[in-house]
Amino acid sequence: EFTHKLVKDDFVFRKLDRVRVVGKQEAVIIYELVGFKGEVDTEQLEKISSFEKALELYFLGEFDLALNIFSNELHSLDKTAKVFVKRCKYLQLNQGAKDWTGIWTMDSK
């Protein structure tokens, strides 16, 4: 998150998650560096936009809607989207939106 703020004008990033690590109280947003601005093609930018739309739904506890986007054809080969498919299914079955803060707590570093 901190690096992203420093160089966001020069690079394209994909927001990956909002996590809280062991021993920390505040959550941080983590990003994936995709490439230099102006060098990332339109198809990749559309995938990023779609992924981030699903991520926002996930943060809001809209697991059904997020799951539909994460599991669609566009993200079928995306390992990160597959992680979110598993998380959405887990949250639907075990926790539900009532206790959801939008932050995934990491059990280990």
C-alpha atoms as a PDB file:
ATOM      1  CA  GLU A   1       0.000   0.000   0.000  1.00  0.00           C
ATOM      2  CA  PHE A   2       2.763   2.420   0.938  1.00  0.00           C
ATOM      3  CA  THR A   3       4.812   1.720  -2.195  1.00  0.00           C
ATOM      4  CA  HIS A   4       1.669   1.992  -4.327  1.00  0.00           C
ATOM      5  CA  LYS A   5       1.051   5.518  -3.038  1.00  0.00           C
ATOM      6  CA  LEU A   6       4.573   6.567  -4.013  1.00  0.00           C
ATOM      7  CA  VAL A   7       4.598   5.248  -7.590  1.00  0.00           C
ATOM      8  CA  LYS A   8       0.922   4.945  -8.630  1.00  0.00           C
ATOM      9  CA  ASP A   9       1.289   7.648 -11.283  1.00  0.00           C
ATOM     10  CA  ASP A  10       3.925   5.667 -13.166  1.00  0.00           C
ATOM     11  CA  PHE A  11       2.623   2.097 -12.969  1.00  0.00           C
ATOM     12  CA  VAL A  12      -0.556   0.071 -13.368  1.00  0.00           C
ATOM     13  CA  PHE A  13      -1.480  -1.948 -10.296  1.00  0.00           C
ATOM     14  CA  ARG A  14      -4.203  -4.407  -9.448  1.00  0.00           C
ATOM     15  CA  LYS A  15      -5.649  -4.210  -5.945  1.00  0.00           C
ATOM     16  CA  LEU A  16      -5.367  -7.709  -4.511  1.00  0.00           C
ATOM     17  CA  ASP A  17      -6.694  -7.669  -0.982  1.00  0.00           C
ATOM     18  CA  ARG A  18      -7.120  -5.936   2.338  1.00  0.00           C
ATOM     19  CA  VAL A  19      -5.334  -7.949   5.019  1.00  0.00           C
ATOM     20  CA  ARG A  20      -4.397  -7.781   8.640  1.00  0.00           C
ATOM     21  CA  VAL A  21      -1.247  -9.680   9.523  1.00  0.00           C
ATOM     22  CA  VAL A  22      -0.437 -11.353  12.814  1.00  0.00           C
ATOM     23  CA  GLY A  23       0.649  -8.835  15.421  1.00  0.00           C
ATOM     24  CA  LYS A  24      -0.870  -5.813  13.652  1.00  0.00           C
ATOM     25  CA  GLN A  25      -4.187  -4.072  14.333  1.00  0.00           C
ATOM     26  CA  GLU A  26      -4.559  -2.100  11.115  1.00  0.00           C
ATOM     27  CA  ALA A  27      -5.270  -3.679   7.783  1.00  0.00           C
ATOM     28  CA  VAL A  28      -3.243  -2.831   4.702  1.00  0.00           C
ATOM     29  CA  ILE A  29      -4.163  -3.001   1.058  1.00  0.00           C
ATOM     30  CA  ILE A  30      -1.870  -5.112  -1.062  1.00  0.00           C
ATOM     31  CA  TYR A  31      -1.337  -4.588  -4.773  1.00  0.00           C
ATOM     32  CA  GLU A  32       0.104  -6.457  -7.704  1.00  0.00           C
ATOM     33  CA  LEU A  33       2.399  -4.494 -10.001  1.00  0.00           C
ATOM     34  CA  VAL A  34       1.140  -5.078 -13.544  1.00  0.00           C
ATOM     35  CA  GLY A  35       3.338  -2.808 -15.662  1.00  0.00           C
ATOM     36  CA  PHE A  36       4.210   0.688 -16.765  1.00  0.00           C
ATOM     37  CA  LYS A  37       1.305   3.033 -17.497  1.00  0.00           C
ATOM     38  CA  GLY A  38       0.764   3.232 -21.231  1.00  0.00           C
ATOM     39  CA  GLU A  39       2.229  -0.236 -21.798  1.00  0.00           C
ATOM     40  CA  VAL A  40      -0.599  -2.378 -20.382  1.00  0.00           C
ATOM     41  CA  ASP A  41      -3.069  -3.444 -23.074  1.00  0.00           C
ATOM     42  CA  THR A  42      -6.807  -2.797 -22.992  1.00  0.00           C
ATOM     43  CA  GLU A  43      -7.700  -6.453 -22.385  1.00  0.00           C
ATOM     44  CA  GLN A  44      -5.532  -6.568 -19.258  1.00  0.00           C
ATOM     45  CA  LEU A  45      -6.995  -3.268 -18.020  1.00  0.00           C
ATOM     46  CA  GLU A  46     -10.509  -4.703 -18.463  1.00  0.00           C
ATOM     47  CA  LYS A  47      -9.537  -7.807 -16.462  1.00  0.00           C
ATOM     48  CA  ILE A  48      -8.144  -5.601 -13.701  1.00  0.00           C
ATOM     49  CA  SER A  49     -11.326  -3.532 -13.646  1.00  0.00           C
ATOM     50  CA  SER A  50     -13.513  -6.642 -13.480  1.00  0.00           C
ATOM     51  CA  PHE A  51     -11.391  -8.200 -10.732  1.00  0.00           C
ATOM     52  CA  GLU A  52     -11.448  -5.002  -8.666  1.00  0.00           C
ATOM     53  CA  LYS A  53     -15.239  -4.741  -9.068  1.00  0.00           C
ATOM     54  CA  ALA A  54     -15.561  -8.257  -7.653  1.00  0.00           C
ATOM     55  CA  LEU A  55     -13.099  -7.376  -4.902  1.00  0.00           C
ATOM     56  CA  GLU A  56     -15.201  -4.387  -3.817  1.00  0.00           C
ATOM     57  CA  LEU A  57     -18.295  -6.606  -3.696  1.00  0.00           C
ATOM     58  CA  TYR A  58     -16.325  -9.083  -1.596  1.00  0.00           C
ATOM     59  CA  PHE A  59     -15.262  -6.296   0.786  1.00  0.00           C
ATOM     60  CA  LEU A  60     -18.941  -5.328   1.151  1.00  0.00           C
ATOM     61  CA  GLY A  61     -19.964  -8.900   1.970  1.00  0.00           C
ATOM     62  CA  GLU A  62     -21.779  -9.430  -1.329  1.00  0.00           C
ATOM     63  CA  PHE A  63     -20.291 -12.908  -1.685  1.00  0.00           C
ATOM     64  CA  ASP A  64     -22.760 -14.256  -4.281  1.00  0.00           C
ATOM     65  CA  LEU A  65     -22.153 -11.359  -6.649  1.00  0.00           C
ATOM     66  CA  ALA A  66     -18.395 -11.395  -6.076  1.00  0.00           C
ATOM     67  CA  LEU A  67     -18.281 -15.155  -6.614  1.00  0.00           C
ATOM     68  CA  ASN A  68     -20.009 -14.818  -9.983  1.00  0.00           C
ATOM     69  CA  ILE A  69     -17.348 -12.416 -11.204  1.00  0.00           C
ATOM     70  CA  PHE A  70     -14.351 -14.191  -9.655  1.00  0.00           C
ATOM     71  CA  SER A  71     -15.413 -17.528 -11.138  1.00  0.00           C
ATOM     72  CA  ASN A  72     -16.333 -16.307 -14.611  1.00  0.00           C
ATOM     73  CA  GLU A  73     -14.466 -17.156 -17.796  1.00  0.00           C
ATOM     74  CA  LEU A  74     -12.436 -13.941 -17.630  1.00  0.00           C
ATOM     75  CA  HIS A  75     -10.719 -15.042 -14.422  1.00  0.00           C
ATOM     76  CA  SER A  76     -10.702 -18.819 -14.886  1.00  0.00           C
ATOM     77  CA  LEU A  77      -6.886 -18.952 -15.174  1.00  0.00           C
ATOM     78  CA  ASP A  78      -6.220 -16.291 -12.549  1.00  0.00           C
ATOM     79  CA  LYS A  79      -4.771 -17.920  -9.407  1.00  0.00           C
ATOM     80  CA  THR A  80      -5.725 -14.932  -7.250  1.00  0.00           C
ATOM     81  CA  ALA A  81      -9.346 -15.076  -8.422  1.00  0.00           C
ATOM     82  CA  LYS A  82      -9.373 -18.774  -7.509  1.00  0.00           C
ATOM     83  CA  VAL A  83      -8.327 -17.839  -3.960  1.00  0.00           C
ATOM     84  CA  PHE A  84     -11.299 -15.481  -3.757  1.00  0.00           C
ATOM     85  CA  VAL A  85     -13.668 -18.127  -5.121  1.00  0.00           C
ATOM     86  CA  LYS A  86     -12.623 -20.356  -2.213  1.00  0.00           C
ATOM     87  CA  ARG A  87     -12.917 -17.513   0.289  1.00  0.00           C
ATOM     88  CA  CYS A  88     -16.380 -16.482  -0.931  1.00  0.00           C
ATOM     89  CA  LYS A  89     -17.613 -20.054  -0.661  1.00  0.00           C
ATOM     90  CA  TYR A  90     -16.088 -20.399   2.797  1.00  0.00           C
ATOM     91  CA  LEU A  91     -17.621 -17.132   4.004  1.00  0.00           C
ATOM     92  CA  GLN A  92     -21.011 -18.057   2.568  1.00  0.00           C
ATOM     93  CA  LEU A  93     -21.009 -21.352   4.455  1.00  0.00           C
ATOM     94  CA  ASN A  94     -19.257 -20.465   7.697  1.00  0.00           C
ATOM     95  CA  GLN A  95     -19.341 -16.830   8.581  1.00  0.00           C
ATOM     96  CA  GLY A  96     -21.706 -14.887   6.440  1.00  0.00           C
ATOM     97  CA  ALA A  97     -21.872 -11.165   5.922  1.00  0.00           C
ATOM     98  CA  LYS A  98     -23.162 -10.374   9.410  1.00  0.00           C
ATOM     99  CA  ASP A  99     -19.703 -10.698  10.997  1.00  0.00           C
ATOM    100  CA  TRP A 100     -17.710  -9.678   7.948  1.00  0.00           C
ATOM    101  CA  THR A 101     -15.457  -6.602   8.220  1.00  0.00           C
ATOM    102  CA  GLY A 102     -14.046  -6.799   4.707  1.00  0.00           C
ATOM    103  CA  ILE A 103     -10.627  -7.657   6.093  1.00  0.00           C
ATOM    104  CA  TRP A 104      -9.005 -11.055   5.771  1.00  0.00           C
ATOM    105  CA  THR A 105      -6.827 -11.776   8.794  1.00  0.00           C
ATOM    106  CA  MET A 106      -3.645 -13.665   8.003  1.00  0.00           C
ATOM    107  CA  ASP A 107      -2.843 -16.426  10.498  1.00  0.00           C
ATOM    108  CA  SER A 108       0.878 -16.347   9.755  1.00  0.00           C
ATOM    109  CA  LYS A 109       3.411 -14.086   8.069  1.00  0.00           C
END
